[in-house]
Amino acid sequence: MASAKVLEAKKAVVNEIADLVKNSESVVVFSYQGLSVSDLNKLRRELKNADGELRVFKNTLVKRALDDLKIDLDGFLEGPNAFMFGHELLEPIKVLSKFAKENDKAEIRVGIINGSPADLKTIQEYATIPSREGLLTMLAGGMIQYVRDLAIGLNLYAEKLEK
């Protein structure tokens, strides 16, 4: 039987996992078996720059934390899994998705987006959304087109009046 000290340590880890899930906009479960330590360290650095975090926990402890939060990912918590916690929604998912494309041993399995389970297809869709800056640029480009067309129309009307 486990000692009280060990049980308290496990409860602390379960609480930590639950807090990480609650405070993250995106959580992605992925398989990392076969990746080298240097690859994982590279991914950790890239995620840190994108306001994300890579952690490895025992699946049983993660299952307990998710059960407390009433999130069901039972079929995916088998084998060696790593967990990406993103404090922003898109950027950490993009970083992990790019990493998984470059390294065939990293396989994205499932995720949690804003507290709801998300399948692989949904995560891939989020990974293809342009960044915030890209979206703002697209918006500005679309808006400037109307201003340009208005300016051309006014110029043509002014030339017509001069004749």
Protein backbone atom coordinates (compact mmCIF):
# COMPACT_ATOMS: atom_id res chain seq x y z
CA MET A 1 0.00 0.00 0.00
CA ALA A 2 1.27 3.45 -0.84
CA SER A 3 2.34 5.66 2.00
CA ALA A 4 0.52 8.87 2.89
CA LYS A 5 3.51 10.87 1.67
CA VAL A 6 3.36 9.29 -1.80
CA LEU A 7 -0.42 9.77 -2.01
CA GLU A 8 -0.07 13.45 -1.13
CA ALA A 9 2.60 13.89 -3.80
CA LYS A 10 0.33 12.27 -6.39
CA LYS A 11 -2.60 14.45 -5.33
CA ALA A 12 -0.39 17.51 -5.75
CA VAL A 13 0.52 16.40 -9.29
CA VAL A 14 -3.15 15.75 -10.14
CA ASN A 15 -4.03 19.24 -8.87
CA GLU A 16 -1.17 20.73 -10.90
CA ILE A 17 -2.41 18.99 -14.06
CA ALA A 18 -5.98 20.15 -13.42
CA ASP A 19 -4.75 23.74 -12.95
CA LEU A 20 -2.69 23.56 -16.15
CA VAL A 21 -5.70 22.31 -18.12
CA LYS A 22 -8.02 24.95 -16.63
CA ASN A 23 -5.55 27.79 -17.31
CA SER A 24 -4.70 26.69 -20.86
CA GLU A 25 -6.69 27.62 -23.93
CA SER A 26 -5.31 24.60 -25.76
CA VAL A 27 -3.99 21.24 -24.60
CA VAL A 28 -2.67 18.70 -27.08
CA VAL A 29 -1.80 15.08 -26.32
CA PHE A 30 0.88 13.64 -28.58
CA SER A 31 3.06 10.58 -28.77
CA TYR A 32 6.77 11.23 -28.43
CA GLN A 33 8.19 7.71 -28.49
CA GLY A 34 11.36 7.58 -30.54
CA LEU A 35 12.19 11.30 -30.34
CA SER A 36 15.62 12.23 -29.06
CA VAL A 37 16.18 14.41 -26.03
CA SER A 38 17.58 17.16 -28.24
CA ASP A 39 14.41 17.10 -30.38
CA LEU A 40 12.23 17.41 -27.27
CA ASN A 41 14.39 20.25 -25.93
CA LYS A 42 14.11 22.04 -29.27
CA LEU A 43 10.32 21.65 -29.13
CA ARG A 44 10.26 22.93 -25.54
CA ARG A 45 12.17 26.07 -26.57
CA GLU A 46 9.90 26.71 -29.56
CA LEU A 47 6.79 26.23 -27.42
CA LYS A 48 8.14 28.53 -24.74
CA ASN A 49 8.57 31.27 -27.38
CA ALA A 50 4.95 30.66 -28.48
CA ASP A 51 3.59 30.91 -24.91
CA GLY A 52 3.24 27.16 -24.57
CA GLU A 53 4.67 24.46 -22.38
CA LEU A 54 5.62 20.80 -22.89
CA ARG A 55 5.15 18.42 -19.97
CA VAL A 56 5.23 14.66 -19.50
CA PHE A 57 2.98 13.12 -16.85
CA LYS A 58 1.81 9.62 -16.03
CA ASN A 59 -1.36 8.82 -17.96
CA THR A 60 -3.16 7.65 -14.80
CA LEU A 61 -2.56 10.99 -13.09
CA VAL A 62 -3.75 12.89 -16.16
CA LYS A 63 -6.84 10.68 -16.31
CA ARG A 64 -7.66 11.50 -12.68
CA ALA A 65 -7.24 15.23 -13.31
CA LEU A 66 -9.41 15.10 -16.44
CA ASP A 67 -12.05 13.06 -14.59
CA ASP A 68 -12.18 15.81 -11.96
CA LEU A 69 -12.73 18.33 -14.78
CA LYS A 70 -15.28 16.03 -16.48
CA ILE A 71 -13.27 15.76 -19.71
CA ASP A 72 -13.17 12.33 -21.37
CA LEU A 73 -10.00 11.35 -23.26
CA ASP A 74 -9.83 7.73 -22.05
CA GLY A 75 -9.02 6.05 -25.38
CA PHE A 76 -6.03 8.32 -25.95
CA LEU A 77 -4.26 8.05 -22.60
CA GLU A 78 -2.30 4.92 -23.40
CA GLY A 79 1.39 4.55 -24.12
CA PRO A 80 4.01 7.26 -23.78
CA ASN A 81 2.31 10.64 -24.14
CA ALA A 82 3.51 14.20 -23.81
CA PHE A 83 1.20 17.11 -23.17
CA MET A 84 1.39 20.56 -24.72
CA PHE A 85 -0.29 23.29 -22.68
CA GLY A 86 -0.88 26.48 -24.65
CA HIS A 87 -1.69 29.69 -22.81
CA GLU A 88 -2.70 31.10 -26.20
CA LEU A 89 -4.95 29.22 -28.57
CA LEU A 90 -3.25 29.14 -31.95
CA GLU A 91 0.50 29.67 -31.78
CA PRO A 92 1.42 26.64 -29.61
CA ILE A 93 -0.78 24.39 -31.78
CA LYS A 94 0.97 25.71 -34.89
CA VAL A 95 4.41 25.09 -33.38
CA LEU A 96 3.52 21.52 -32.37
CA SER A 97 1.86 20.78 -35.71
CA LYS A 98 4.92 22.02 -37.61
CA PHE A 99 7.18 19.94 -35.35
CA ALA A 100 5.02 16.83 -35.93
CA LYS A 101 5.26 17.32 -39.70
CA GLU A 102 9.05 17.57 -39.51
CA ASN A 103 9.42 14.59 -37.14
CA ASP A 104 7.42 11.54 -38.14
CA LYS A 105 7.86 10.03 -34.67
CA ALA A 106 5.81 12.80 -33.04
CA GLU A 107 2.14 12.02 -33.55
CA ILE A 108 -0.64 14.35 -32.43
CA ARG A 109 -3.42 12.26 -30.95
CA VAL A 110 -6.12 14.46 -29.40
CA GLY A 111 -6.57 17.81 -27.73
CA ILE A 112 -8.64 20.02 -25.48
CA ILE A 113 -9.57 23.43 -26.81
CA ASN A 114 -11.17 25.87 -24.37
CA GLY A 115 -12.16 23.02 -22.06
CA SER A 116 -13.76 20.78 -24.71
CA PRO A 117 -12.23 17.69 -26.33
CA ALA A 118 -11.04 18.20 -29.89
CA ASP A 119 -10.15 15.50 -32.39
CA LEU A 120 -7.13 15.45 -34.67
CA LYS A 121 -9.02 17.04 -37.57
CA THR A 122 -10.02 20.04 -35.44
CA ILE A 123 -6.46 20.52 -34.21
CA GLN A 124 -5.17 20.43 -37.79
CA GLU A 125 -7.75 23.06 -38.79
CA TYR A 126 -6.55 25.33 -35.97
CA ALA A 127 -2.97 24.81 -37.14
CA THR A 128 -3.81 26.17 -40.60
CA ILE A 129 -5.37 29.43 -39.37
CA PRO A 130 -3.05 32.37 -40.06
CA SER A 131 -1.50 34.17 -37.10
CA ARG A 132 -3.14 37.21 -35.55
CA GLU A 133 -0.80 39.51 -37.48
CA GLY A 134 -1.59 37.67 -40.71
CA LEU A 135 -5.32 38.00 -40.13
CA LEU A 136 -4.98 41.72 -39.38
CA THR A 137 -2.96 42.19 -42.56
CA MET A 138 -5.64 40.39 -44.56
CA LEU A 139 -8.33 42.58 -42.98
CA ALA A 140 -6.39 45.77 -43.70
CA GLY A 141 -5.79 44.66 -47.29
CA GLY A 142 -9.49 44.02 -47.77
CA MET A 143 -10.45 47.38 -46.27
CA ILE A 144 -7.90 49.38 -48.27
CA GLN A 145 -9.31 47.98 -51.49
CA TYR A 146 -12.61 49.81 -50.89
CA VAL A 147 -10.81 53.04 -50.01
CA ARG A 148 -8.73 52.74 -53.20
CA ASP A 149 -11.83 52.09 -55.33
CA LEU A 150 -13.57 55.09 -53.75
CA ALA A 151 -10.55 57.30 -54.45
CA ILE A 152 -10.46 56.18 -58.10
CA GLY A 153 -14.20 56.79 -58.47
CA LEU A 154 -13.96 60.28 -56.95
CA ASN A 155 -10.99 61.11 -59.16
CA LEU A 156 -12.87 60.00 -62.29
CA TYR A 157 -15.92 62.03 -61.22
CA ALA A 158 -13.73 65.10 -60.60
CA GLU A 159 -12.16 64.74 -64.06
CA LYS A 160 -15.62 64.47 -65.60
CA LEU A 161 -16.70 67.69 -63.88
CA GLU A 162 -13.62 69.54 -65.17
CA LYS A 163 -14.49 68.81 -68.82
